[in-house]
Amino acid sequence: MELVFYTTSQCHLCELAEALLVSTPMQEPIPVDAIDIAQSTELVERYGTRIPVLRRNDTGAELDWPFDRDQLLDFLQP
C-alpha cells in the first residue's frame, strides 16, 4: 500500500494531519507521496475545500480531514 497526501502550503490543517500521520505508530513503513494541489487546477477543484486528504493507491479510498489516530489506523487496515 502507498498513500497520496493531498496538501498545500500554508495550510494549518495539513500540518496537523501530517504531524498525526508521522506520529502514528505503524507495523511497517507506508510510503507517502505528498501532492501540492496548487500545482493543478483539477486538483484544486477536486480537493480545495477538502484538504488535507489521504488517498490509498491500492483501493482508491480517501480519508478527509478531520480524522484522529483511530480513524487513521482503521483507514490503513488491509
PDB file of N, CA and C in Angstrom:
ATOM      1  N   MET A   1       0.844  -1.176   0.000  1.00  0.00           N
ATOM      2  CA  MET A   1       0.000   0.000   0.000  1.00  0.00           C
ATOM      3  C   MET A   1       0.889   1.239   0.000  1.00  0.00           C
ATOM      4  N   GLU A   2       0.437   2.236  -0.726  1.00  0.00           N
ATOM      5  CA  GLU A   2       1.050   3.560  -0.714  1.00  0.00           C
ATOM      6  C   GLU A   2      -0.054   4.579  -0.505  1.00  0.00           C
ATOM      7  N   LEU A   3       0.325   5.735   0.026  1.00  0.00           N
ATOM      8  CA  LEU A   3      -0.637   6.806   0.263  1.00  0.00           C
ATOM      9  C   LEU A   3      -0.272   8.032  -0.542  1.00  0.00           C
ATOM     10  N   VAL A   4      -1.296   8.757  -0.960  1.00  0.00           N
ATOM     11  CA  VAL A   4      -1.119  10.092  -1.517  1.00  0.00           C
ATOM     12  C   VAL A   4      -1.698  11.048  -0.486  1.00  0.00           C
ATOM     13  N   PHE A   5      -0.928  12.072  -0.152  1.00  0.00           N
ATOM     14  CA  PHE A   5      -1.348  13.076   0.820  1.00  0.00           C
ATOM     15  C   PHE A   5      -1.557  14.379   0.061  1.00  0.00           C
ATOM     16  N   TYR A   6      -2.823  14.745  -0.148  1.00  0.00           N
ATOM     17  CA  TYR A   6      -3.143  15.992  -0.844  1.00  0.00           C
ATOM     18  C   TYR A   6      -3.082  17.133   0.165  1.00  0.00           C
ATOM     19  N   THR A   7      -2.276  18.132  -0.156  1.00  0.00           N
ATOM     20  CA  THR A   7      -1.967  19.206   0.766  1.00  0.00           C
ATOM     21  C   THR A   7      -1.694  20.476  -0.023  1.00  0.00           C
ATOM     22  N   THR A   8      -1.318  21.534   0.658  1.00  0.00           N
ATOM     23  CA  THR A   8      -0.838  22.748   0.012  1.00  0.00           C
ATOM     24  C   THR A   8      -0.048  23.544   1.037  1.00  0.00           C
ATOM     25  N   SER A   9       0.672  24.549   0.592  1.00  0.00           N
ATOM     26  CA  SER A   9       1.484  25.342   1.508  1.00  0.00           C
ATOM     27  C   SER A   9       0.599  26.237   2.370  1.00  0.00           C
ATOM     28  N   GLN A  10       1.115  26.583   3.532  1.00  0.00           N
ATOM     29  CA  GLN A  10       0.437  27.469   4.479  1.00  0.00           C
ATOM     30  C   GLN A  10      -0.955  26.958   4.844  1.00  0.00           C
ATOM     31  N   CYS A  11      -1.060  25.665   5.031  1.00  0.00           N
ATOM     32  CA  CYS A  11      -2.326  25.020   5.400  1.00  0.00           C
ATOM     33  C   CYS A  11      -2.153  24.432   6.799  1.00  0.00           C
ATOM     34  N   HIS A  12      -2.698  25.121   7.791  1.00  0.00           N
ATOM     35  CA  HIS A  12      -2.548  24.691   9.182  1.00  0.00           C
ATOM     36  C   HIS A  12      -3.133  23.294   9.399  1.00  0.00           C
ATOM     37  N   LEU A  13      -4.279  23.015   8.817  1.00  0.00           N
ATOM     38  CA  LEU A  13      -4.888  21.696   8.971  1.00  0.00           C
ATOM     39  C   LEU A  13      -4.025  20.609   8.335  1.00  0.00           C
ATOM     40  N   CYS A  14      -3.381  20.943   7.223  1.00  0.00           N
ATOM     41  CA  CYS A  14      -2.484  19.992   6.566  1.00  0.00           C
ATOM     42  C   CYS A  14      -1.297  19.669   7.469  1.00  0.00           C
ATOM     43  N   GLU A  15      -0.786  20.685   8.154  1.00  0.00           N
ATOM     44  CA  GLU A  15       0.321  20.469   9.088  1.00  0.00           C
ATOM     45  C   GLU A  15      -0.108  19.564  10.236  1.00  0.00           C
ATOM     46  N   LEU A  16      -1.331  19.756  10.738  1.00  0.00           N
ATOM     47  CA  LEU A  16      -1.843  18.897  11.810  1.00  0.00           C
ATOM     48  C   LEU A  16      -1.981  17.455  11.330  1.00  0.00           C
ATOM     49  N   ALA A  17      -2.522  17.277  10.136  1.00  0.00           N
ATOM     50  CA  ALA A  17      -2.693  15.929   9.584  1.00  0.00           C
ATOM     51  C   ALA A  17      -1.341  15.256   9.352  1.00  0.00           C
ATOM     52  N   GLU A  18      -0.378  16.007   8.846  1.00  0.00           N
ATOM     53  CA  GLU A  18       0.952  15.448   8.611  1.00  0.00           C
ATOM     54  C   GLU A  18       1.599  15.030   9.929  1.00  0.00           C
ATOM     55  N   ALA A  19       1.466  15.868  10.957  1.00  0.00           N
ATOM     56  CA  ALA A  19       2.028  15.535  12.268  1.00  0.00           C
ATOM     57  C   ALA A  19       1.390  14.264  12.822  1.00  0.00           C
ATOM     58  N   LEU A  20       0.086  14.120  12.654  1.00  0.00           N
ATOM     59  CA  LEU A  20      -0.604  12.918  13.113  1.00  0.00           C
ATOM     60  C   LEU A  20      -0.117  11.696  12.338  1.00  0.00           C
ATOM     61  N   LEU A  21       0.024  11.839  11.042  1.00  0.00           N
ATOM     62  CA  LEU A  21       0.482  10.733  10.201  1.00  0.00           C
ATOM     63  C   LEU A  21       1.887  10.288  10.605  1.00  0.00           C
ATOM     64  N   VAL A  22       2.770  11.245  10.832  1.00  0.00           N
ATOM     65  CA  VAL A  22       4.156  10.940  11.186  1.00  0.00           C
ATOM     66  C   VAL A  22       4.253  10.320  12.583  1.00  0.00           C
ATOM     67  N   SER A  23       3.396  10.750  13.496  1.00  0.00           N
ATOM     68  CA  SER A  23       3.486  10.285  14.888  1.00  0.00           C
ATOM     69  C   SER A  23       2.706   8.999  15.161  1.00  0.00           C
ATOM     70  N   THR A  24       1.933   8.532  14.203  1.00  0.00           N
ATOM     71  CA  THR A  24       1.141   7.316  14.409  1.00  0.00           C
ATOM     72  C   THR A  24       2.015   6.087  14.187  1.00  0.00           C
ATOM     73  N   PRO A  25       2.118   5.225  15.205  1.00  0.00           N
ATOM     74  CA  PRO A  25       2.956   4.028  15.045  1.00  0.00           C
ATOM     75  C   PRO A  25       2.346   3.056  14.031  1.00  0.00           C
ATOM     76  N   MET A  26       3.181   2.572  13.130  1.00  0.00           N
ATOM     77  CA  MET A  26       2.745   1.639  12.089  1.00  0.00           C
ATOM     78  C   MET A  26       3.566   0.361  12.217  1.00  0.00           C
ATOM     79  N   GLN A  27       2.961  -0.768  11.842  1.00  0.00           N
ATOM     80  CA  GLN A  27       3.688  -2.036  11.894  1.00  0.00           C
ATOM     81  C   GLN A  27       4.845  -2.042  10.907  1.00  0.00           C
ATOM     82  N   GLU A  28       4.646  -1.426   9.763  1.00  0.00           N
ATOM     83  CA  GLU A  28       5.712  -1.281   8.768  1.00  0.00           C
ATOM     84  C   GLU A  28       5.537   0.065   8.087  1.00  0.00           C
ATOM     85  N   PRO A  29       6.626   0.653   7.600  1.00  0.00           N
ATOM     86  CA  PRO A  29       6.523   1.972   6.962  1.00  0.00           C
ATOM     87  C   PRO A  29       5.618   1.933   5.728  1.00  0.00           C
ATOM     88  N   ILE A  30       4.852   2.993   5.560  1.00  0.00           N
ATOM     89  CA  ILE A  30       3.977   3.139   4.398  1.00  0.00           C
ATOM     90  C   ILE A  30       4.469   4.338   3.598  1.00  0.00           C
ATOM     91  N   PRO A  31       4.831   4.139   2.331  1.00  0.00           N
ATOM     92  CA  PRO A  31       5.272   5.268   1.515  1.00  0.00           C
ATOM     93  C   PRO A  31       4.141   6.288   1.348  1.00  0.00           C
ATOM     94  N   VAL A  32       4.502   7.564   1.475  1.00  0.00           N
ATOM     95  CA  VAL A  32       3.535   8.651   1.334  1.00  0.00           C
ATOM     96  C   VAL A  32       4.066   9.632   0.299  1.00  0.00           C
ATOM     97  N   ASP A  33       3.253   9.911  -0.700  1.00  0.00           N
ATOM     98  CA  ASP A  33       3.594  10.879  -1.743  1.00  0.00           C
ATOM     99  C   ASP A  33       2.768  12.135  -1.498  1.00  0.00           C
ATOM    100  N   ALA A  34       3.420  13.210  -1.054  1.00  0.00           N
ATOM    101  CA  ALA A  34       2.718  14.472  -0.794  1.00  0.00           C
ATOM    102  C   ALA A  34       2.546  15.228  -2.108  1.00  0.00           C
ATOM    103  N   ILE A  35       1.313  15.611  -2.404  1.00  0.00           N
ATOM    104  CA  ILE A  35       0.984  16.332  -3.631  1.00  0.00           C
ATOM    105  C   ILE A  35       0.418  17.698  -3.254  1.00  0.00           C
ATOM    106  N   ASP A  36       1.051  18.754  -3.760  1.00  0.00           N
ATOM    107  CA  ASP A  36       0.549  20.117  -3.541  1.00  0.00           C
ATOM    108  C   ASP A  36      -0.531  20.387  -4.583  1.00  0.00           C
ATOM    109  N   ILE A  37      -1.768  20.525  -4.126  1.00  0.00           N
ATOM    110  CA  ILE A  37      -2.884  20.689  -5.063  1.00  0.00           C
ATOM    111  C   ILE A  37      -2.802  21.992  -5.844  1.00  0.00           C
ATOM    112  N   ALA A  38      -2.032  22.967  -5.344  1.00  0.00           N
ATOM    113  CA  ALA A  38      -1.920  24.257  -6.024  1.00  0.00           C
ATOM    114  C   ALA A  38      -1.267  24.128  -7.398  1.00  0.00           C
ATOM    115  N   GLN A  39      -0.622  23.006  -7.667  1.00  0.00           N
ATOM    116  CA  GLN A  39       0.054  22.798  -8.944  1.00  0.00           C
ATOM    117  C   GLN A  39      -0.891  22.361 -10.057  1.00  0.00           C
ATOM    118  N   SER A  40      -2.174  22.136  -9.728  1.00  0.00           N
ATOM    119  CA  SER A  40      -3.119  21.625 -10.719  1.00  0.00           C
ATOM    120  C   SER A  40      -4.509  22.196 -10.477  1.00  0.00           C
ATOM    121  N   THR A  41      -5.069  22.831 -11.495  1.00  0.00           N
ATOM    122  CA  THR A  41      -6.430  23.357 -11.392  1.00  0.00           C
ATOM    123  C   THR A  41      -7.416  22.241 -11.086  1.00  0.00           C
ATOM    124  N   GLU A  42      -7.221  21.094 -11.707  1.00  0.00           N
ATOM    125  CA  GLU A  42      -8.106  19.948 -11.474  1.00  0.00           C
ATOM    126  C   GLU A  42      -8.069  19.512 -10.007  1.00  0.00           C
ATOM    127  N   LEU A  43      -6.864  19.464  -9.430  1.00  0.00           N
ATOM    128  CA  LEU A  43      -6.753  19.067  -8.025  1.00  0.00           C
ATOM    129  C   LEU A  43      -7.351  20.110  -7.091  1.00  0.00           C
ATOM    130  N   VAL A  44      -7.188  21.390  -7.422  1.00  0.00           N
ATOM    131  CA  VAL A  44      -7.799  22.449  -6.609  1.00  0.00           C
ATOM    132  C   VAL A  44      -9.315  22.303  -6.634  1.00  0.00           C
ATOM    133  N   GLU A  45      -9.872  22.050  -7.812  1.00  0.00           N
ATOM    134  CA  GLU A  45     -11.326  21.880  -7.919  1.00  0.00           C
ATOM    135  C   GLU A  45     -11.806  20.661  -7.134  1.00  0.00           C
ATOM    136  N   ARG A  46     -11.028  19.600  -7.169  1.00  0.00           N
ATOM    137  CA  ARG A  46     -11.450  18.358  -6.515  1.00  0.00           C
ATOM    138  C   ARG A  46     -11.225  18.379  -5.001  1.00  0.00           C
ATOM    139  N   TYR A  47     -10.087  18.946  -4.561  1.00  0.00           N
ATOM    140  CA  TYR A  47      -9.707  18.843  -3.153  1.00  0.00           C
ATOM    141  C   TYR A  47      -9.625  20.178  -2.414  1.00  0.00           C
ATOM    142  N   GLY A  48      -9.842  21.286  -3.096  1.00  0.00           N
ATOM    143  CA  GLY A  48      -9.632  22.603  -2.500  1.00  0.00           C
ATOM    144  C   GLY A  48     -10.345  22.847  -1.190  1.00  0.00           C
ATOM    145  N   THR A  49     -11.563  22.349  -1.047  1.00  0.00           N
ATOM    146  CA  THR A  49     -12.312  22.557   0.198  1.00  0.00           C
ATOM    147  C   THR A  49     -12.229  21.349   1.121  1.00  0.00           C
ATOM    148  N   ARG A  50     -11.472  20.321   0.713  1.00  0.00           N
ATOM    149  CA  ARG A  50     -11.417  19.077   1.491  1.00  0.00           C
ATOM    150  C   ARG A  50     -10.065  18.819   2.135  1.00  0.00           C
ATOM    151  N   ILE A  51      -9.006  19.477   1.682  1.00  0.00           N
ATOM    152  CA  ILE A  51      -7.670  19.147   2.178  1.00  0.00           C
ATOM    153  C   ILE A  51      -7.560  19.441   3.661  1.00  0.00           C
ATOM    154  N   PRO A  52      -6.724  18.673   4.326  1.00  0.00           N
ATOM    155  CA  PRO A  52      -5.897  17.582   3.828  1.00  0.00           C
ATOM    156  C   PRO A  52      -6.705  16.305   3.588  1.00  0.00           C
ATOM    157  N   VAL A  53      -6.266  15.570   2.577  1.00  0.00           N
ATOM    158  CA  VAL A  53      -6.922  14.307   2.220  1.00  0.00           C
ATOM    159  C   VAL A  53      -5.842  13.246   2.011  1.00  0.00           C
ATOM    160  N   LEU A  54      -6.071  12.072   2.584  1.00  0.00           N
ATOM    161  CA  LEU A  54      -5.225  10.911   2.322  1.00  0.00           C
ATOM    162  C   LEU A  54      -5.960   9.997   1.355  1.00  0.00           C
ATOM    163  N   ARG A  55      -5.226   9.458   0.390  1.00  0.00           N
ATOM    164  CA  ARG A  55      -5.811   8.534  -0.595  1.00  0.00           C
ATOM    165  C   ARG A  55      -4.951   7.281  -0.659  1.00  0.00           C
ATOM    166  N   ARG A  56      -5.602   6.132  -0.561  1.00  0.00           N
ATOM    167  CA  ARG A  56      -4.903   4.855  -0.707  1.00  0.00           C
ATOM    168  C   ARG A  56      -4.783   4.520  -2.188  1.00  0.00           C
ATOM    169  N   ASN A  57      -3.567   4.203  -2.636  1.00  0.00           N
ATOM    170  CA  ASN A  57      -3.375   3.842  -4.044  1.00  0.00           C
ATOM    171  C   ASN A  57      -3.956   2.473  -4.371  1.00  0.00           C
ATOM    172  N   ASP A  58      -4.018   1.581  -3.389  1.00  0.00           N
ATOM    173  CA  ASP A  58      -4.491   0.226  -3.681  1.00  0.00           C
ATOM    174  C   ASP A  58      -6.009   0.138  -3.823  1.00  0.00           C
ATOM    175  N   THR A  59      -6.756   0.939  -3.058  1.00  0.00           N
ATOM    176  CA  THR A  59      -8.221   0.851  -3.093  1.00  0.00           C
ATOM    177  C   THR A  59      -8.891   2.109  -3.637  1.00  0.00           C
ATOM    178  N   GLY A  60      -8.155   3.220  -3.659  1.00  0.00           N
ATOM    179  CA  GLY A  60      -8.746   4.489  -4.069  1.00  0.00           C
ATOM    180  C   GLY A  60      -9.539   5.164  -2.965  1.00  0.00           C
ATOM    181  N   ALA A  61      -9.610   4.532  -1.787  1.00  0.00           N
ATOM    182  CA  ALA A  61     -10.350   5.113  -0.661  1.00  0.00           C
ATOM    183  C   ALA A  61      -9.680   6.409  -0.210  1.00  0.00           C
ATOM    184  N   GLU A  62     -10.498   7.361   0.214  1.00  0.00           N
ATOM    185  CA  GLU A  62      -9.986   8.651   0.667  1.00  0.00           C
ATOM    186  C   GLU A  62     -10.461   8.934   2.083  1.00  0.00           C
ATOM    187  N   LEU A  63      -9.592   9.584   2.846  1.00  0.00           N
ATOM    188  CA  LEU A  63      -9.894   9.992   4.214  1.00  0.00           C
ATOM    189  C   LEU A  63      -9.706  11.499   4.295  1.00  0.00           C
ATOM    190  N   ASP A  64     -10.818  12.204   4.486  1.00  0.00           N
ATOM    191  CA  ASP A  64     -10.791  13.668   4.576  1.00  0.00           C
ATOM    192  C   ASP A  64     -10.582  14.105   6.022  1.00  0.00           C
ATOM    193  N   TRP A  65      -9.919  15.232   6.195  1.00  0.00           N
ATOM    194  CA  TRP A  65      -9.792  15.845   7.500  1.00  0.00           C
ATOM    195  C   TRP A  65     -11.146  16.381   7.917  1.00  0.00           C
ATOM    196  N   PRO A  66     -11.545  16.317   9.164  1.00  0.00           N
ATOM    197  CA  PRO A  66     -10.741  15.918  10.319  1.00  0.00           C
ATOM    198  C   PRO A  66     -10.784  14.407  10.552  1.00  0.00           C
ATOM    199  N   PHE A  67      -9.641  13.872  10.992  1.00  0.00           N
ATOM    200  CA  PHE A  67      -9.580  12.478  11.419  1.00  0.00           C
ATOM    201  C   PHE A  67      -8.618  12.382  12.592  1.00  0.00           C
ATOM    202  N   ASP A  68      -8.851  11.371  13.415  1.00  0.00           N
ATOM    203  CA  ASP A  68      -7.983  11.160  14.568  1.00  0.00           C
ATOM    204  C   ASP A  68      -7.148   9.899  14.343  1.00  0.00           C
ATOM    205  N   ARG A  69      -6.327   9.558  15.330  1.00  0.00           N
ATOM    206  CA  ARG A  69      -5.421   8.418  15.185  1.00  0.00           C
ATOM    207  C   ARG A  69      -6.194   7.119  14.947  1.00  0.00           C
ATOM    208  N   ASP A  70      -7.288   6.902  15.677  1.00  0.00           N
ATOM    209  CA  ASP A  70      -8.064   5.668  15.491  1.00  0.00           C
ATOM    210  C   ASP A  70      -8.658   5.586  14.089  1.00  0.00           C
ATOM    211  N   GLN A  71      -9.188   6.694  13.583  1.00  0.00           N
ATOM    212  CA  GLN A  71      -9.740   6.707  12.223  1.00  0.00           C
ATOM    213  C   GLN A  71      -8.643   6.461  11.195  1.00  0.00           C
ATOM    214  N   LEU A  72      -7.465   7.030  11.433  1.00  0.00           N
ATOM    215  CA  LEU A  72      -6.338   6.820  10.529  1.00  0.00           C
ATOM    216  C   LEU A  72      -5.936   5.347  10.517  1.00  0.00           C
ATOM    217  N   LEU A  73      -5.814   4.748  11.688  1.00  0.00           N
ATOM    218  CA  LEU A  73      -5.432   3.337  11.758  1.00  0.00           C
ATOM    219  C   LEU A  73      -6.478   2.444  11.098  1.00  0.00           C
ATOM    220  N   ASP A  74      -7.757   2.743  11.287  1.00  0.00           N
ATOM    221  CA  ASP A  74      -8.816   1.982  10.609  1.00  0.00           C
ATOM    222  C   ASP A  74      -8.698   2.118   9.095  1.00  0.00           C
ATOM    223  N   PHE A  75      -8.413   3.324   8.628  1.00  0.00           N
ATOM    224  CA  PHE A  75      -8.268   3.598   7.196  1.00  0.00           C
ATOM    225  C   PHE A  75      -7.114   2.793   6.594  1.00  0.00           C
ATOM    226  N   LEU A  76      -6.076   2.571   7.377  1.00  0.00           N
ATOM    227  CA  LEU A  76      -4.879   1.897   6.881  1.00  0.00           C
ATOM    228  C   LEU A  76      -4.957   0.374   6.960  1.00  0.00           C
ATOM    229  N   GLN A  77      -6.019  -0.158   7.536  1.00  0.00           N
ATOM    230  CA  GLN A  77      -6.158  -1.616   7.627  1.00  0.00           C
ATOM    231  C   GLN A  77      -6.358  -2.213   6.238  1.00  0.00           C
ATOM    232  N   PRO A  78      -5.767  -3.414   6.020  1.00  0.00           N
ATOM    233  CA  PRO A  78      -5.924  -4.062   4.708  1.00  0.00           C
ATOM    234  C   PRO A  78      -7.356  -4.450   4.393  1.00  0.00           C
TER     235      PRO A  78
END
